[in-house]
């Protein structure tokens, strides 16, 4: 299911920078679907993770997907 970016903005997402399968993997990398999101701030990212909408999505997955949520500061 694709979600409109306007809906994502309600939890602080500025834009999706990349999403999909990697075109190449080296060293310890894994060929797994990846989504890179730009947030307004670290606080917004943490609130987005804790949001009712994201937590409901996690519950709907019922363990069907392994999630890896990381915070990386932009340069």
PDB file of N, CA and C in Angstrom:
ATOM      1  N   UNK A   1       0.841  -1.168   0.000  1.00  0.00           N
ATOM      2  CA  UNK A   1       0.000   0.000   0.000  1.00  0.00           C
ATOM      3  C   UNK A   1       0.896   1.245   0.000  1.00  0.00           C
ATOM      4  N   UNK A   2       0.693   2.137  -0.925  1.00  0.00           N
ATOM      5  CA  UNK A   2       1.434   3.395  -0.983  1.00  0.00           C
ATOM      6  C   UNK A   2       0.680   4.464  -0.212  1.00  0.00           C
ATOM      7  N   UNK A   3       1.393   5.253   0.530  1.00  0.00           N
ATOM      8  CA  UNK A   3       0.796   6.316   1.316  1.00  0.00           C
ATOM      9  C   UNK A   3       1.167   7.643   0.668  1.00  0.00           C
ATOM     10  N   UNK A   4       0.204   8.545   0.592  1.00  0.00           N
ATOM     11  CA  UNK A   4       0.466   9.862   0.031  1.00  0.00           C
ATOM     12  C   UNK A   4       1.449  10.629   0.908  1.00  0.00           C
ATOM     13  N   UNK A   5       2.361  11.368   0.292  1.00  0.00           N
ATOM     14  CA  UNK A   5       3.347  12.136   1.042  1.00  0.00           C
ATOM     15  C   UNK A   5       2.674  13.139   1.964  1.00  0.00           C
ATOM     16  N   UNK A   6       1.540  13.708   1.558  1.00  0.00           N
ATOM     17  CA  UNK A   6       0.833  14.652   2.431  1.00  0.00           C
ATOM     18  C   UNK A   6       0.453  13.989   3.746  1.00  0.00           C
ATOM     19  N   UNK A   7       0.055  12.729   3.704  1.00  0.00           N
ATOM     20  CA  UNK A   7      -0.284  12.001   4.932  1.00  0.00           C
ATOM     21  C   UNK A   7       0.962  11.797   5.778  1.00  0.00           C
ATOM     22  N   UNK A   8       2.096  11.522   5.141  1.00  0.00           N
ATOM     23  CA  UNK A   8       3.342  11.326   5.877  1.00  0.00           C
ATOM     24  C   UNK A   8       3.812  12.614   6.533  1.00  0.00           C
ATOM     25  N   UNK A   9       3.530  13.731   5.906  1.00  0.00           N
ATOM     26  CA  UNK A   9       3.944  15.023   6.477  1.00  0.00           C
ATOM     27  C   UNK A   9       3.270  15.276   7.816  1.00  0.00           C
ATOM     28  N   UNK A  10       2.121  14.676   8.043  1.00  0.00           N
ATOM     29  CA  UNK A  10       1.436  14.874   9.322  1.00  0.00           C
ATOM     30  C   UNK A  10       2.228  14.298  10.488  1.00  0.00           C
ATOM     31  N   UNK A  11       3.166  13.383  10.221  1.00  0.00           N
ATOM     32  CA  UNK A  11       4.023  12.863  11.289  1.00  0.00           C
ATOM     33  C   UNK A  11       5.452  13.382  11.157  1.00  0.00           C
ATOM     34  N   UNK A  12       5.668  14.438  10.350  1.00  0.00           N
ATOM     35  CA  UNK A  12       6.956  15.121  10.306  1.00  0.00           C
ATOM     36  C   UNK A  12       7.900  14.722   9.197  1.00  0.00           C
ATOM     37  N   UNK A  13       7.483  13.848   8.292  1.00  0.00           N
ATOM     38  CA  UNK A  13       8.362  13.455   7.191  1.00  0.00           C
ATOM     39  C   UNK A  13       8.412  14.579   6.176  1.00  0.00           C
ATOM     40  N   UNK A  14       9.620  15.041   5.870  1.00  0.00           N
ATOM     41  CA  UNK A  14       9.800  16.092   4.877  1.00  0.00           C
ATOM     42  C   UNK A  14       9.738  15.511   3.465  1.00  0.00           C
ATOM     43  N   UNK A  15      10.502  14.418   3.251  1.00  0.00           N
ATOM     44  CA  UNK A  15      10.452  13.754   1.945  1.00  0.00           C
ATOM     45  C   UNK A  15      11.117  12.385   2.015  1.00  0.00           C
ATOM     46  N   UNK A  16      10.733  11.541   1.085  1.00  0.00           N
ATOM     47  CA  UNK A  16      11.353  10.233   0.950  1.00  0.00           C
ATOM     48  C   UNK A  16      12.490  10.395  -0.040  1.00  0.00           C
ATOM     49  N   UNK A  17      13.720  10.120   0.398  1.00  0.00           N
ATOM     50  CA  UNK A  17      14.901  10.305  -0.436  1.00  0.00           C
ATOM     51  C   UNK A  17      15.168   9.107  -1.338  1.00  0.00           C
ATOM     52  N   UNK A  18      14.867   7.907  -0.850  1.00  0.00           N
ATOM     53  CA  UNK A  18      15.086   6.690  -1.635  1.00  0.00           C
ATOM     54  C   UNK A  18      14.227   5.579  -1.049  1.00  0.00           C
ATOM     55  N   UNK A  19      13.788   4.660  -1.920  1.00  0.00           N
ATOM     56  CA  UNK A  19      13.087   3.475  -1.434  1.00  0.00           C
ATOM     57  C   UNK A  19      13.175   2.385  -2.488  1.00  0.00           C
ATOM     58  N   UNK A  20      13.305   1.168  -2.028  1.00  0.00           N
ATOM     59  CA  UNK A  20      13.369   0.038  -2.934  1.00  0.00           C
ATOM     60  C   UNK A  20      14.505  -0.899  -2.591  1.00  0.00           C
ATOM     61  N   UNK A  21      14.780  -1.791  -3.493  1.00  0.00           N
ATOM     62  CA  UNK A  21      15.863  -2.752  -3.326  1.00  0.00           C
ATOM     63  C   UNK A  21      17.178  -2.123  -3.786  1.00  0.00           C
ATOM     64  N   UNK A  22      18.295  -2.461  -3.138  1.00  0.00           N
ATOM     65  CA  UNK A  22      19.579  -1.900  -3.563  1.00  0.00           C
ATOM     66  C   UNK A  22      19.958  -2.395  -4.962  1.00  0.00           C
ATOM     67  N   UNK A  23      20.631  -1.557  -5.720  1.00  0.00           N
ATOM     68  CA  UNK A  23      21.096  -1.960  -7.043  1.00  0.00           C
ATOM     69  C   UNK A  23      22.394  -2.759  -6.944  1.00  0.00           C
ATOM     70  N   UNK A  24      23.091  -2.638  -5.806  1.00  0.00           N
ATOM     71  CA  UNK A  24      24.315  -3.416  -5.559  1.00  0.00           C
ATOM     72  C   UNK A  24      24.536  -3.490  -4.057  1.00  0.00           C
ATOM     73  N   UNK A  25      25.148  -4.575  -3.608  1.00  0.00           N
ATOM     74  CA  UNK A  25      25.447  -4.768  -2.189  1.00  0.00           C
ATOM     75  C   UNK A  25      26.889  -5.241  -2.074  1.00  0.00           C
ATOM     76  N   UNK A  26      27.660  -4.646  -1.154  1.00  0.00           N
ATOM     77  CA  UNK A  26      29.043  -5.069  -0.930  1.00  0.00           C
ATOM     78  C   UNK A  26      29.274  -5.287   0.556  1.00  0.00           C
ATOM     79  N   UNK A  27      30.387  -5.894   0.873  1.00  0.00           N
ATOM     80  CA  UNK A  27      30.817  -6.163   2.238  1.00  0.00           C
ATOM     81  C   UNK A  27      29.697  -6.829   3.036  1.00  0.00           C
ATOM     82  N   UNK A  28      29.323  -6.304   4.194  1.00  0.00           N
ATOM     83  CA  UNK A  28      28.327  -6.957   5.050  1.00  0.00           C
ATOM     84  C   UNK A  28      26.896  -6.528   4.720  1.00  0.00           C
ATOM     85  N   UNK A  29      26.728  -5.804   3.622  1.00  0.00           N
ATOM     86  CA  UNK A  29      25.403  -5.336   3.248  1.00  0.00           C
ATOM     87  C   UNK A  29      24.449  -6.474   2.917  1.00  0.00           C
ATOM     88  N   UNK A  30      23.166  -6.221   3.099  1.00  0.00           N
ATOM     89  CA  UNK A  30      22.137  -7.197   2.788  1.00  0.00           C
ATOM     90  C   UNK A  30      21.205  -6.623   1.726  1.00  0.00           C
ATOM     91  N   UNK A  31      20.772  -7.462   0.822  1.00  0.00           N
ATOM     92  CA  UNK A  31      19.855  -7.038  -0.240  1.00  0.00           C
ATOM     93  C   UNK A  31      18.432  -7.024   0.311  1.00  0.00           C
ATOM     94  N   UNK A  32      18.121  -5.973   1.069  1.00  0.00           N
ATOM     95  CA  UNK A  32      16.790  -5.823   1.646  1.00  0.00           C
ATOM     96  C   UNK A  32      16.193  -4.487   1.238  1.00  0.00           C
ATOM     97  N   UNK A  33      14.877  -4.445   1.182  1.00  0.00           N
ATOM     98  CA  UNK A  33      14.182  -3.199   0.844  1.00  0.00           C
ATOM     99  C   UNK A  33      14.569  -2.130   1.857  1.00  0.00           C
ATOM    100  N   UNK A  34      14.866  -0.943   1.349  1.00  0.00           N
ATOM    101  CA  UNK A  34      15.313   0.162   2.194  1.00  0.00           C
ATOM    102  C   UNK A  34      14.519   1.415   1.867  1.00  0.00           C
ATOM    103  N   UNK A  35      14.193   2.178   2.896  1.00  0.00           N
ATOM    104  CA  UNK A  35      13.533   3.468   2.727  1.00  0.00           C
ATOM    105  C   UNK A  35      14.360   4.489   3.497  1.00  0.00           C
ATOM    106  N   UNK A  36      14.769   5.559   2.825  1.00  0.00           N
ATOM    107  CA  UNK A  36      15.523   6.642   3.454  1.00  0.00           C
ATOM    108  C   UNK A  36      14.608   7.860   3.476  1.00  0.00           C
ATOM    109  N   UNK A  37      14.343   8.343   4.692  1.00  0.00           N
ATOM    110  CA  UNK A  37      13.376   9.430   4.890  1.00  0.00           C
ATOM    111  C   UNK A  37      14.068  10.643   5.490  1.00  0.00           C
ATOM    112  N   UNK A  38      13.742  11.823   4.979  1.00  0.00           N
ATOM    113  CA  UNK A  38      14.211  13.069   5.574  1.00  0.00           C
ATOM    114  C   UNK A  38      13.108  13.591   6.493  1.00  0.00           C
ATOM    115  N   UNK A  39      13.487  13.867   7.743  1.00  0.00           N
ATOM    116  CA  UNK A  39      12.550  14.397   8.727  1.00  0.00           C
ATOM    117  C   UNK A  39      12.871  15.855   8.990  1.00  0.00           C
ATOM    118  N   UNK A  40      11.924  16.580   9.548  1.00  0.00           N
ATOM    119  CA  UNK A  40      12.159  17.978   9.911  1.00  0.00           C
ATOM    120  C   UNK A  40      13.237  18.098  10.985  1.00  0.00           C
ATOM    121  N   UNK A  41      13.301  17.107  11.894  1.00  0.00           N
ATOM    122  CA  UNK A  41      14.252  17.138  12.993  1.00  0.00           C
ATOM    123  C   UNK A  41      14.330  15.736  13.601  1.00  0.00           C
ATOM    124  N   UNK A  42      15.303  15.526  14.485  1.00  0.00           N
ATOM    125  CA  UNK A  42      15.403  14.262  15.200  1.00  0.00           C
ATOM    126  C   UNK A  42      14.159  14.065  16.068  1.00  0.00           C
ATOM    127  N   UNK A  43      13.717  15.133  16.693  1.00  0.00           N
ATOM    128  CA  UNK A  43      12.512  15.055  17.522  1.00  0.00           C
ATOM    129  C   UNK A  43      11.304  14.615  16.685  1.00  0.00           C
ATOM    130  N   UNK A  44      11.180  15.166  15.473  1.00  0.00           N
ATOM    131  CA  UNK A  44      10.073  14.778  14.590  1.00  0.00           C
ATOM    132  C   UNK A  44      10.175  13.303  14.205  1.00  0.00           C
ATOM    133  N   UNK A  45      11.395  12.816  13.967  1.00  0.00           N
ATOM    134  CA  UNK A  45      11.589  11.401  13.623  1.00  0.00           C
ATOM    135  C   UNK A  45      11.170  10.506  14.781  1.00  0.00           C
ATOM    136  N   UNK A  46      11.561  10.879  15.987  1.00  0.00           N
ATOM    137  CA  UNK A  46      11.189  10.090  17.161  1.00  0.00           C
ATOM    138  C   UNK A  46       9.677  10.111  17.379  1.00  0.00           C
ATOM    139  N   UNK A  47       9.068  11.275  17.188  1.00  0.00           N
ATOM    140  CA  UNK A  47       7.608  11.365  17.318  1.00  0.00           C
ATOM    141  C   UNK A  47       6.913  10.567  16.225  1.00  0.00           C
ATOM    142  N   UNK A  48       7.475  10.585  15.024  1.00  0.00           N
ATOM    143  CA  UNK A  48       6.901   9.801  13.928  1.00  0.00           C
ATOM    144  C   UNK A  48       6.935   8.317  14.228  1.00  0.00           C
ATOM    145  N   UNK A  49       8.053   7.866  14.785  1.00  0.00           N
ATOM    146  CA  UNK A  49       8.181   6.459  15.152  1.00  0.00           C
ATOM    147  C   UNK A  49       7.160   6.079  16.229  1.00  0.00           C
ATOM    148  N   UNK A  50       6.976   6.969  17.186  1.00  0.00           N
ATOM    149  CA  UNK A  50       6.050   6.697  18.291  1.00  0.00           C
ATOM    150  C   UNK A  50       4.592   7.001  17.946  1.00  0.00           C
ATOM    151  N   UNK A  51       4.342   7.562  16.748  1.00  0.00           N
ATOM    152  CA  UNK A  51       2.983   7.978  16.387  1.00  0.00           C
ATOM    153  C   UNK A  51       2.013   6.803  16.345  1.00  0.00           C
ATOM    154  N   UNK A  52       0.760   7.124  16.580  1.00  0.00           N
ATOM    155  CA  UNK A  52      -0.288   6.106  16.529  1.00  0.00           C
ATOM    156  C   UNK A  52      -0.323   5.414  15.172  1.00  0.00           C
ATOM    157  N   UNK A  53      -0.148   6.193  14.095  1.00  0.00           N
ATOM    158  CA  UNK A  53      -0.200   5.628  12.745  1.00  0.00           C
ATOM    159  C   UNK A  53       0.902   4.613  12.485  1.00  0.00           C
ATOM    160  N   UNK A  54       2.137   4.951  12.875  1.00  0.00           N
ATOM    161  CA  UNK A  54       3.248   4.021  12.656  1.00  0.00           C
ATOM    162  C   UNK A  54       3.107   2.799  13.548  1.00  0.00           C
ATOM    163  N   UNK A  55       2.724   3.008  14.796  1.00  0.00           N
ATOM    164  CA  UNK A  55       2.560   1.878  15.705  1.00  0.00           C
ATOM    165  C   UNK A  55       1.425   0.959  15.249  1.00  0.00           C
ATOM    166  N   UNK A  56       0.372   1.530  14.666  1.00  0.00           N
ATOM    167  CA  UNK A  56      -0.716   0.704  14.119  1.00  0.00           C
ATOM    168  C   UNK A  56      -0.228  -0.102  12.924  1.00  0.00           C
ATOM    169  N   UNK A  57       0.633   0.501  12.103  1.00  0.00           N
ATOM    170  CA  UNK A  57       1.200  -0.220  10.959  1.00  0.00           C
ATOM    171  C   UNK A  57       2.061  -1.381  11.437  1.00  0.00           C
ATOM    172  N   UNK A  58       2.851  -1.165  12.483  1.00  0.00           N
ATOM    173  CA  UNK A  58       3.658  -2.240  13.044  1.00  0.00           C
ATOM    174  C   UNK A  58       2.778  -3.370  13.572  1.00  0.00           C
ATOM    175  N   UNK A  59       1.707  -3.007  14.250  1.00  0.00           N
ATOM    176  CA  UNK A  59       0.797  -4.020  14.795  1.00  0.00           C
ATOM    177  C   UNK A  59       0.140  -4.812  13.667  1.00  0.00           C
ATOM    178  N   UNK A  60      -0.205  -4.122  12.572  1.00  0.00           N
ATOM    179  CA  UNK A  60      -0.843  -4.792  11.431  1.00  0.00           C
ATOM    180  C   UNK A  60       0.115  -5.788  10.782  1.00  0.00           C
ATOM    181  N   UNK A  61       1.416  -5.493  10.812  1.00  0.00           N
ATOM    182  CA  UNK A  61       2.394  -6.422  10.258  1.00  0.00           C
ATOM    183  C   UNK A  61       2.498  -7.700  11.086  1.00  0.00           C
ATOM    184  N   UNK A  62       2.194  -7.597  12.365  1.00  0.00           N
ATOM    185  CA  UNK A  62       2.170  -8.753  13.264  1.00  0.00           C
ATOM    186  C   UNK A  62       3.440  -9.601  13.141  1.00  0.00           C
ATOM    187  N   UNK A  63       4.599  -8.910  13.084  1.00  0.00           N
ATOM    188  CA  UNK A  63       5.872  -9.621  13.016  1.00  0.00           C
ATOM    189  C   UNK A  63       6.225 -10.162  11.637  1.00  0.00           C
ATOM    190  N   UNK A  64       5.447  -9.833  10.608  1.00  0.00           N
ATOM    191  CA  UNK A  64       5.686 -10.365   9.262  1.00  0.00           C
ATOM    192  C   UNK A  64       6.894  -9.736   8.576  1.00  0.00           C
ATOM    193  N   UNK A  65       7.398  -8.638   9.118  1.00  0.00           N
ATOM    194  CA  UNK A  65       8.570  -7.976   8.533  1.00  0.00           C
ATOM    195  C   UNK A  65       9.521  -7.576   9.653  1.00  0.00           C
ATOM    196  N   UNK A  66      10.801  -7.706   9.396  1.00  0.00           N
ATOM    197  CA  UNK A  66      11.807  -7.251  10.350  1.00  0.00           C
ATOM    198  C   UNK A  66      12.094  -5.795  10.044  1.00  0.00           C
ATOM    199  N   UNK A  67      11.948  -4.945  11.022  1.00  0.00           N
ATOM    200  CA  UNK A  67      12.143  -3.508  10.842  1.00  0.00           C
ATOM    201  C   UNK A  67      13.494  -3.108  11.421  1.00  0.00           C
ATOM    202  N   UNK A  68      14.167  -2.156  10.806  1.00  0.00           N
ATOM    203  CA  UNK A  68      15.441  -1.629  11.292  1.00  0.00           C
ATOM    204  C   UNK A  68      15.356  -0.121  11.144  1.00  0.00           C
ATOM    205  N   UNK A  69      15.088   0.571  12.223  1.00  0.00           N
ATOM    206  CA  UNK A  69      14.854   2.007  12.203  1.00  0.00           C
ATOM    207  C   UNK A  69      16.093   2.687  12.754  1.00  0.00           C
ATOM    208  N   UNK A  70      16.772   3.500  11.933  1.00  0.00           N
ATOM    209  CA  UNK A  70      18.005   4.174  12.358  1.00  0.00           C
ATOM    210  C   UNK A  70      17.864   5.671  12.178  1.00  0.00           C
ATOM    211  N   UNK A  71      18.547   6.402  13.050  1.00  0.00           N
ATOM    212  CA  UNK A  71      18.593   7.858  12.954  1.00  0.00           C
ATOM    213  C   UNK A  71      20.005   8.245  12.523  1.00  0.00           C
ATOM    214  N   UNK A  72      20.132   8.990  11.430  1.00  0.00           N
ATOM    215  CA  UNK A  72      21.428   9.429  10.928  1.00  0.00           C
ATOM    216  C   UNK A  72      21.344  10.931  10.688  1.00  0.00           C
ATOM    217  N   UNK A  73      22.315  11.675  11.222  1.00  0.00           N
ATOM    218  CA  UNK A  73      22.322  13.119  11.039  1.00  0.00           C
ATOM    219  C   UNK A  73      22.838  13.466   9.649  1.00  0.00           C
ATOM    220  N   UNK A  74      22.162  14.393   9.000  1.00  0.00           N
ATOM    221  CA  UNK A  74      22.572  14.835   7.665  1.00  0.00           C
ATOM    222  C   UNK A  74      23.817  15.709   7.766  1.00  0.00           C
ATOM    223  N   UNK A  75      24.531  15.784   6.646  1.00  0.00           N
ATOM    224  CA  UNK A  75      25.720  16.643   6.608  1.00  0.00           C
ATOM    225  C   UNK A  75      25.474  17.834   5.721  1.00  0.00           C
TER     226      UNK A  75
END
